[in-house]
Every structure is written in structure tokens, then in C-alpha cells.
Protein backbone atom coordinates (compact mmCIF):
# COMPACT_ATOMS: atom_id res chain seq x y z
CA MET A 1 -0.08 -0.18 0.07
CA LYS A 2 2.85 2.28 0.94
CA ILE A 3 4.28 1.89 -3.03
CA LEU A 4 0.73 2.90 -4.25
CA THR A 5 0.81 6.26 -2.22
CA ARG A 6 4.48 6.44 -3.18
CA LEU A 7 3.87 5.99 -6.61
CA ALA A 8 0.54 8.25 -6.57
CA ALA A 9 2.58 10.80 -5.07
CA LEU A 10 5.32 10.85 -7.46
CA SER A 11 3.20 10.95 -10.47
CA ALA A 12 1.01 13.98 -9.07
CA VAL A 13 4.81 15.69 -8.63
CA ALA A 14 6.26 14.79 -12.47
CA LEU A 15 2.62 16.08 -13.54
CA ALA A 16 2.99 19.48 -11.74
CA ALA A 17 6.28 19.55 -12.82
CA GLY A 18 5.23 19.27 -16.35
CA CYS A 19 2.93 21.95 -15.88
CA GLY A 20 5.09 24.88 -14.86
CA GLU A 21 6.59 27.80 -17.35
CA PRO A 22 7.98 26.63 -20.98
CA PRO A 23 11.58 26.00 -21.10
CA ASP A 24 14.07 29.35 -21.50
CA ASP A 25 14.25 29.08 -25.39
CA THR A 26 10.80 29.19 -25.84
CA HIS A 27 10.76 32.99 -24.01
CA LEU A 28 13.84 33.61 -26.49
CA GLN A 29 11.91 32.47 -29.55
CA GLU A 30 8.79 34.42 -28.48
CA LYS A 31 11.00 38.09 -28.40
CA VAL A 32 12.52 36.88 -31.29
CA ILE A 33 9.25 36.78 -33.36
CA SER A 34 7.37 39.50 -31.58
CA GLY A 35 10.35 42.15 -32.37
CA PHE A 36 10.40 40.47 -36.02
CA TYR A 37 6.74 41.25 -36.62
CA GLN A 38 6.76 44.98 -34.19
CA GLN A 39 9.57 45.82 -36.50
CA HIS A 40 7.91 44.93 -39.87
CA MET A 41 4.79 46.72 -38.57
CA LYS A 42 7.05 49.99 -38.54
CA THR A 43 8.14 49.85 -41.94
CA HIS A 44 5.19 48.04 -43.83
CA SER A 45 7.28 46.85 -46.63
CA PRO A 46 5.43 45.00 -48.78
CA GLY A 47 7.87 42.98 -50.62
CA ILE A 48 11.56 42.36 -50.52
CA PRO A 49 13.40 44.94 -47.66
CA SER A 50 15.26 47.43 -48.58
CA ALA A 51 19.05 47.83 -47.58
CA ASP A 52 17.81 50.17 -44.60
CA GLU A 53 15.03 47.75 -43.29
CA LEU A 54 17.05 44.49 -43.92
CA LYS A 55 19.77 46.26 -41.45
CA GLN A 56 16.65 46.66 -39.06
CA LEU A 57 15.56 43.48 -39.21
CA GLN A 58 18.93 41.85 -38.97
CA PRO A 59 18.49 40.99 -35.03
CA PHE A 60 15.74 39.26 -36.03
CA VAL A 61 16.76 36.48 -39.03
CA SER A 62 19.38 34.21 -39.61
CA GLN A 63 22.66 35.40 -40.98
CA ALA A 64 21.64 32.65 -43.75
CA LEU A 65 18.36 34.57 -44.25
CA PHE A 66 19.58 37.77 -44.24
CA LYS A 67 22.04 36.74 -46.67
CA LEU A 68 19.50 35.57 -49.05
CA LEU A 69 17.52 38.82 -48.39
CA SER A 70 20.49 40.88 -49.54
CA GLN A 71 20.79 39.59 -52.70
CA ALA A 72 17.09 39.19 -53.58
CA SER A 73 17.17 43.58 -52.28
CA GLU A 74 20.56 43.68 -54.54
CA THR A 75 18.93 41.86 -57.95
CA GLU A 76 15.15 43.75 -57.19
CA ILE A 77 17.27 47.14 -57.28
CA LYS A 78 19.28 45.88 -60.80
CA TYR A 79 16.11 45.17 -62.06
CA HIS A 80 14.42 48.70 -61.70
CA ALA A 81 17.66 49.91 -62.96
């Protein structure tokens, strides 16, 4: 009987621990997504961001995405020239 009581208590603790705060990286992801969205709303860029807009978005995107967006921005400038 003591084993069942201990098992029930252990299960309750395990379930309660699972209902706590999300891991720290979840908060970081929320900050990045929120920052990106707020910056996007400030610039209202309808398509590929300009070089100035990209500089403002850089803290919120990966280096690979920043490089691709920079290349796309440069290509768009050449296309419209």
C-alpha cells in the first residue's frame, strides 16, 4: 500500500512539474518573433525589404536568411534600374 501511495505522489509531482513554465528558449523565441513582427509593422515593406529595412530586421533573422534577403534586395534594385 505504501508503494501505491508513493507512486501516486510521484506521479502527481511529475505531472505538476510538466505544467510549469516553458523552457527558456521558448521565451527567447517569443521575443525574436515579437521583435521581428514589430519591426515589420514599422516598415510596412510589402515585398523584399530594402537595405535599410534589412539592417533593422537583421537582429531577428538568421545569417543565412539575411544573406538571401540581401541578395534578393540587390537583384530587385538591379531589375528596376
